[in-house]
Amino acid sequence: MLESTLLMYMITRKLIPLLVLLTIAFSAAAQKGFVKQSRLPRSLQKFEFGVSSVGAAGTYKSDFAYYDDENTRWEGYHESPTTSKGGLGVTLGTFYRIALIGRRAAITADINVAYNYLFWKGIGSGGFFYERTDNVGGVTKQLAVPVGLSLKFGNDGRLEKNHRFCTTFGAGVMPTFNTTHLDDTLEVRKREKHRKWGAQPYVKFEAGIFAGLCFKLRLMYAFGDIPLTENGDSWNEEKFGVLNFNSRLKSTFTTTLVIMPFSYDWPDNGWWNSANTRVNWLPL
């Protein structure tokens, strides 16, 4: 888990300064007249990149065994809700404008690709590990592809600089591929990886501002029951006494800082700039 955290830290530490430098460079060039309107293809103008904080909630069920002071074996069953202890992610995305509505809004079809790390800690606390001091945890690596429809107001839906702000309401479905492994502190065998497919509906809200580039804050909630681990081999029976461990993901909540790095190339359309105002009744 420490290695995963360090990896995500190194990725974000390198990408964020690069995006800041690009923002400064393109903004300065635009002010000097070096960046003209709409020189890039629309596919680049709609490109999005984001860094996410991810939280999740789920449930687990387990058969377990333990030995009392007289070395008598006892078996039992426990189930409980659980929540992740933080998570990180990155996302890439774009959209296709289906229809323009008036001068400020658009309906779009959205597609994103996200890679998330979910960290679990304290699994079983208050349950079948209530007498143990072990802080059992694990990691879920999630590849997600949210696809849906959105109603956009403002600059990103219109692809125009003259709208300072933007707002988005959207919904869709998010297929996921999840790889989960749980801690094995004995290190007597390779940790088993549980690979599971699933799909969850989602809703999202975005609010943003154009300041040299378009910056947005995205809130996305995905819900629905999908498996993470299912009746695999006994998980660390020697140390924790767990015979079976089934866990399911119930919901995820993602907060993402989104940057549209090529939005500097959007035109500045308005009554003051009729010479450069394009025909905008065709969806692109």
Protein backbone atom coordinates (compact mmCIF):
# COMPACT_ATOMS: atom_id res chain seq x y z
CA MET A 1 0.00 0.00 0.00
CA LEU A 2 2.93 2.34 0.77
CA GLU A 3 4.36 1.65 -2.68
CA SER A 4 1.00 2.52 -4.31
CA THR A 5 0.76 5.75 -2.33
CA LEU A 6 4.29 6.76 -3.32
CA LEU A 7 3.55 5.96 -6.98
CA MET A 8 0.45 8.17 -7.03
CA TYR A 9 2.36 10.92 -5.23
CA MET A 10 5.16 10.85 -7.81
CA ILE A 11 2.68 10.97 -10.70
CA THR A 12 0.72 13.92 -9.36
CA ARG A 13 3.89 15.76 -8.26
CA LYS A 14 5.21 15.68 -11.82
CA LEU A 15 1.97 16.35 -13.71
CA ILE A 16 0.58 19.27 -11.72
CA PRO A 17 3.68 21.52 -12.10
CA LEU A 18 3.73 20.68 -15.82
CA LEU A 19 0.11 21.77 -16.24
CA VAL A 20 0.78 24.97 -14.28
CA LEU A 21 3.74 25.80 -16.56
CA LEU A 22 1.62 25.14 -19.66
CA THR A 23 -1.08 27.42 -18.29
CA ILE A 24 1.39 30.25 -17.69
CA ALA A 25 3.06 29.79 -21.09
CA PHE A 26 -0.15 29.71 -23.12
CA SER A 27 -1.71 32.58 -21.18
CA ALA A 28 1.36 34.75 -21.78
CA ALA A 29 1.42 33.84 -25.45
CA ALA A 30 -2.26 34.65 -25.82
CA GLN A 31 -1.77 38.07 -24.27
CA LYS A 32 1.03 38.79 -26.75
CA GLY A 33 -1.10 37.70 -29.68
CA PHE A 34 0.83 34.52 -30.50
CA VAL A 35 -2.11 32.20 -29.83
CA LYS A 36 -4.86 32.77 -32.34
CA GLN A 37 -8.43 31.55 -32.12
CA SER A 38 -9.28 27.92 -32.88
CA ARG A 39 -6.05 26.67 -34.35
CA LEU A 40 -6.42 23.27 -32.70
CA PRO A 41 -8.93 20.55 -33.64
CA ARG A 42 -12.07 20.29 -31.51
CA SER A 43 -10.97 16.89 -30.22
CA LEU A 44 -8.09 18.58 -28.37
CA GLN A 45 -10.20 21.54 -27.26
CA LYS A 46 -12.51 19.13 -25.40
CA PHE A 47 -9.76 17.04 -23.77
CA GLU A 48 -9.84 16.86 -19.94
CA PHE A 49 -7.34 15.73 -17.32
CA GLY A 50 -8.04 15.34 -13.62
CA VAL A 51 -6.56 14.30 -10.28
CA SER A 52 -9.01 12.69 -7.84
CA SER A 53 -9.60 11.94 -4.19
CA VAL A 54 -11.71 8.78 -3.90
CA GLY A 55 -13.72 7.30 -1.04
CA ALA A 56 -15.74 4.10 -1.00
CA ALA A 57 -18.19 2.16 1.13
CA GLY A 58 -18.89 -1.55 1.10
CA THR A 59 -19.65 -4.64 3.13
CA TYR A 60 -17.77 -7.81 4.05
CA LYS A 61 -18.84 -11.25 5.20
CA SER A 62 -16.51 -13.86 6.65
CA ASP A 63 -16.31 -17.34 8.10
CA PHE A 64 -13.59 -17.47 10.71
CA ALA A 65 -12.01 -19.78 13.25
CA TYR A 66 -10.17 -19.29 16.50
CA TYR A 67 -8.78 -21.31 19.40
CA ASP A 68 -9.59 -20.65 23.02
CA ASP A 69 -7.21 -21.00 25.98
CA GLU A 70 -7.82 -24.74 26.06
CA ASN A 71 -6.85 -25.02 22.38
CA THR A 72 -10.41 -25.83 21.36
CA ARG A 73 -11.27 -24.76 17.82
CA TRP A 74 -14.32 -22.55 17.34
CA GLU A 75 -15.83 -21.35 14.08
CA GLY A 76 -18.18 -18.47 13.44
CA TYR A 77 -19.55 -15.96 10.97
CA HIS A 78 -19.48 -12.17 10.86
CA GLU A 79 -20.65 -9.46 8.47
CA SER A 80 -20.36 -5.69 8.71
CA PRO A 81 -20.23 -2.48 6.63
CA THR A 82 -16.83 -0.96 5.97
CA THR A 83 -15.39 2.19 4.41
CA SER A 84 -12.14 2.90 2.63
CA LYS A 85 -9.42 4.89 4.35
CA GLY A 86 -8.72 7.24 1.48
CA GLY A 87 -7.97 6.83 -2.19
CA LEU A 88 -6.29 8.54 -5.15
CA GLY A 89 -6.92 8.54 -8.85
CA VAL A 90 -6.29 10.12 -12.24
CA THR A 91 -8.76 10.56 -15.08
CA LEU A 92 -8.73 11.44 -18.77
CA GLY A 93 -11.83 12.32 -20.76
CA THR A 94 -13.63 14.04 -23.58
CA PHE A 95 -17.19 14.60 -24.81
CA TYR A 96 -19.25 14.89 -27.97
CA ARG A 97 -21.73 17.72 -28.32
CA ILE A 98 -25.10 16.27 -29.30
CA ALA A 99 -27.07 19.54 -29.41
CA LEU A 100 -26.59 23.22 -28.59
CA ILE A 101 -29.34 24.90 -26.57
CA GLY A 102 -29.64 28.64 -26.96
CA ARG A 103 -26.43 30.61 -26.51
CA ARG A 104 -25.22 29.13 -23.23
CA ALA A 105 -26.01 25.42 -22.98
CA ALA A 106 -25.33 22.10 -24.67
CA ILE A 107 -26.23 18.43 -24.32
CA THR A 108 -23.17 16.18 -24.51
CA ALA A 109 -22.21 12.51 -24.52
CA ASP A 110 -19.28 12.02 -22.12
CA ILE A 111 -16.62 9.35 -21.88
CA ASN A 112 -13.81 9.18 -19.32
CA VAL A 113 -11.16 6.69 -18.30
CA ALA A 114 -10.15 6.68 -14.61
CA TYR A 115 -7.58 4.71 -12.65
CA ASN A 116 -8.16 4.71 -8.90
CA TYR A 117 -6.47 3.30 -5.79
CA LEU A 118 -8.73 2.52 -2.82
CA PHE A 119 -7.08 1.80 0.53
CA TRP A 120 -8.80 -0.35 3.17
CA LYS A 121 -7.83 -0.43 6.85
CA GLY A 122 -9.27 -1.89 10.02
CA ILE A 123 -11.27 -4.62 8.29
CA GLY A 124 -13.06 -6.66 10.92
CA SER A 125 -12.53 -4.18 13.75
CA GLY A 126 -15.40 -4.48 16.20
CA GLY A 127 -16.29 -7.83 14.68
CA PHE A 128 -14.36 -11.08 14.53
CA PHE A 129 -11.09 -9.24 15.29
CA TYR A 130 -12.42 -7.37 18.28
CA GLU A 131 -9.84 -8.97 20.57
CA ARG A 132 -6.98 -8.58 18.11
CA THR A 133 -4.59 -5.68 17.68
CA ASP A 134 -3.94 -6.43 14.00
CA ASN A 135 -4.85 -3.57 11.66
CA VAL A 136 -5.97 -5.65 8.68
CA GLY A 137 -6.23 -3.85 5.36
CA GLY A 138 -5.85 -4.10 1.61
CA VAL A 139 -5.84 -2.25 -1.70
CA THR A 140 -8.29 -2.15 -4.59
CA LYS A 141 -6.97 -0.95 -7.96
CA GLN A 142 -9.89 0.16 -10.10
CA LEU A 143 -10.02 0.84 -13.83
CA ALA A 144 -13.28 2.67 -14.56
CA VAL A 145 -14.87 3.93 -17.80
CA PRO A 146 -17.77 6.31 -16.97
CA VAL A 147 -20.03 6.86 -19.99
CA GLY A 148 -23.10 9.09 -19.87
CA LEU A 149 -25.02 12.22 -20.87
CA SER A 150 -24.64 15.73 -19.50
CA LEU A 151 -26.35 19.08 -19.62
CA LYS A 152 -23.64 21.74 -19.72
CA PHE A 153 -24.03 25.47 -19.14
CA GLY A 154 -21.29 27.94 -19.92
CA ASN A 155 -17.83 27.82 -21.38
CA ASP A 156 -17.02 24.10 -21.64
CA GLY A 157 -20.32 23.19 -23.31
CA ARG A 158 -20.04 26.06 -25.78
CA LEU A 159 -16.23 25.90 -26.09
CA GLU A 160 -16.12 29.70 -25.81
CA LYS A 161 -13.95 31.90 -23.59
CA ASN A 162 -16.51 34.68 -23.25
CA HIS A 163 -18.50 32.55 -20.77
CA ARG A 164 -16.52 32.93 -17.56
CA PHE A 165 -18.20 30.09 -15.62
CA CYS A 166 -19.53 26.61 -16.36
CA THR A 167 -21.86 24.13 -14.68
CA THR A 168 -22.63 20.51 -15.55
CA PHE A 169 -25.30 18.01 -14.47
CA GLY A 170 -24.77 14.46 -15.70
CA ALA A 171 -25.58 10.78 -15.24
CA GLY A 172 -24.61 7.48 -16.78
CA VAL A 173 -23.09 4.08 -16.11
CA MET A 174 -19.54 3.22 -15.00
CA PRO A 175 -18.13 -0.21 -15.95
CA THR A 176 -15.18 -1.14 -13.72
CA PHE A 177 -12.45 -3.75 -13.48
CA ASN A 178 -11.30 -4.15 -9.88
CA THR A 179 -8.17 -5.92 -8.62
CA THR A 180 -8.15 -6.38 -4.83
CA HIS A 181 -5.54 -7.89 -2.56
CA LEU A 182 -5.66 -8.10 1.23
CA ASP A 183 -2.77 -7.82 3.67
CA ASP A 184 -0.93 -11.00 4.55
CA THR A 185 1.45 -9.92 7.28
CA LEU A 186 2.90 -13.40 7.66
CA GLU A 187 4.37 -13.12 4.17
CA VAL A 188 4.39 -16.91 3.91
CA ARG A 189 2.79 -16.88 0.50
CA LYS A 190 2.07 -14.51 -2.34
CA ARG A 191 -0.99 -12.37 -1.69
CA GLU A 192 -3.97 -13.54 -3.70
CA LYS A 193 -5.36 -11.05 -6.19
CA HIS A 194 -9.12 -11.03 -6.71
CA ARG A 195 -10.11 -9.72 -10.15
CA LYS A 196 -13.76 -8.75 -10.59
CA TRP A 197 -15.83 -6.92 -13.20
CA GLY A 198 -18.80 -4.73 -12.37
CA ALA A 199 -20.87 -1.72 -13.40
CA GLN A 200 -22.46 1.06 -11.35
CA PRO A 201 -24.81 3.92 -12.25
CA TYR A 202 -23.45 7.36 -11.43
CA VAL A 203 -24.49 10.99 -11.13
CA LYS A 204 -22.15 13.96 -11.30
CA PHE A 205 -22.00 17.70 -10.83
CA GLU A 206 -19.34 20.11 -12.05
CA ALA A 207 -18.63 23.80 -11.51
CA GLY A 208 -15.77 25.65 -13.13
CA ILE A 209 -14.17 28.90 -14.19
CA PHE A 210 -12.14 30.03 -17.19
CA ALA A 211 -8.89 31.64 -16.03
CA GLY A 212 -6.44 31.24 -18.88
CA LEU A 213 -7.58 27.62 -18.99
CA CYS A 214 -10.84 26.00 -17.91
CA PHE A 215 -10.62 24.61 -14.37
CA LYS A 216 -13.46 22.52 -12.93
CA LEU A 217 -14.34 20.78 -9.69
CA ARG A 218 -16.22 17.52 -10.32
CA LEU A 219 -18.24 15.60 -7.74
CA MET A 220 -19.31 12.10 -8.80
CA TYR A 221 -21.27 9.50 -6.88
CA ALA A 222 -21.48 5.91 -8.15
CA PHE A 223 -23.72 3.33 -6.49
CA GLY A 224 -24.63 -0.31 -6.93
CA ASP A 225 -23.52 -3.68 -5.57
CA ILE A 226 -20.43 -5.21 -7.23
CA PRO A 227 -18.03 -7.90 -5.92
CA LEU A 228 -14.45 -7.28 -4.85
CA THR A 229 -13.56 -10.68 -3.34
CA GLU A 230 -15.66 -13.85 -3.48
CA ASN A 231 -14.99 -17.11 -1.65
CA GLY A 232 -11.33 -17.23 -2.50
CA ASP A 233 -8.72 -19.36 -0.80
CA SER A 234 -8.47 -18.97 2.95
CA TRP A 235 -6.99 -15.59 3.72
CA ASN A 236 -4.20 -15.79 6.26
CA GLU A 237 -5.87 -18.51 8.32
CA GLU A 238 -2.62 -19.10 10.23
CA LYS A 239 -2.59 -15.60 11.70
CA PHE A 240 -6.12 -14.20 11.54
CA GLY A 241 -8.21 -17.37 11.40
CA VAL A 242 -10.16 -16.25 8.31
CA LEU A 243 -11.57 -19.16 6.31
CA ASN A 244 -13.64 -17.21 3.76
CA PHE A 245 -13.79 -13.53 3.03
CA ASN A 246 -16.39 -11.96 0.73
CA SER A 247 -16.39 -8.21 0.19
CA ARG A 248 -18.59 -6.05 -2.01
CA LEU A 249 -18.37 -2.45 -3.13
CA LYS A 250 -21.57 -0.48 -2.56
CA SER A 251 -20.68 3.09 -3.53
CA THR A 252 -17.84 5.44 -4.41
CA PHE A 253 -17.62 9.21 -4.09
CA THR A 254 -15.00 11.00 -6.17
CA THR A 255 -13.83 14.61 -5.96
CA THR A 256 -11.76 15.61 -8.99
CA LEU A 257 -9.86 18.73 -9.98
CA VAL A 258 -10.27 18.83 -13.77
CA ILE A 259 -8.18 20.91 -16.17
CA MET A 260 -8.89 21.35 -19.87
CA PRO A 261 -5.29 22.04 -21.01
CA PHE A 262 -6.17 23.08 -24.58
CA SER A 263 -9.06 25.38 -23.70
CA TYR A 264 -6.74 28.36 -24.25
CA ASP A 265 -7.54 27.84 -27.94
CA TRP A 266 -11.30 28.39 -27.56
CA PRO A 267 -12.63 31.39 -29.53
CA ASP A 268 -13.85 34.51 -27.76
CA ASN A 269 -17.28 34.85 -29.33
CA GLY A 270 -19.67 37.67 -28.58
CA TRP A 271 -21.34 40.83 -29.87
CA TRP A 272 -17.99 42.64 -29.51
CA ASN A 273 -16.25 40.15 -31.79
CA SER A 274 -18.67 39.42 -34.61
CA ALA A 275 -15.87 38.97 -37.14
CA ASN A 276 -14.70 35.83 -35.35
CA THR A 277 -18.08 34.52 -34.25
CA ARG A 278 -18.57 31.09 -35.77
CA VAL A 279 -21.83 29.45 -36.73
CA ASN A 280 -22.69 27.48 -33.61
CA TRP A 281 -25.93 25.73 -34.38
CA LEU A 282 -24.13 22.61 -35.58
CA PRO A 283 -23.15 20.20 -32.79
CA LEU A 284 -19.49 19.22 -32.85
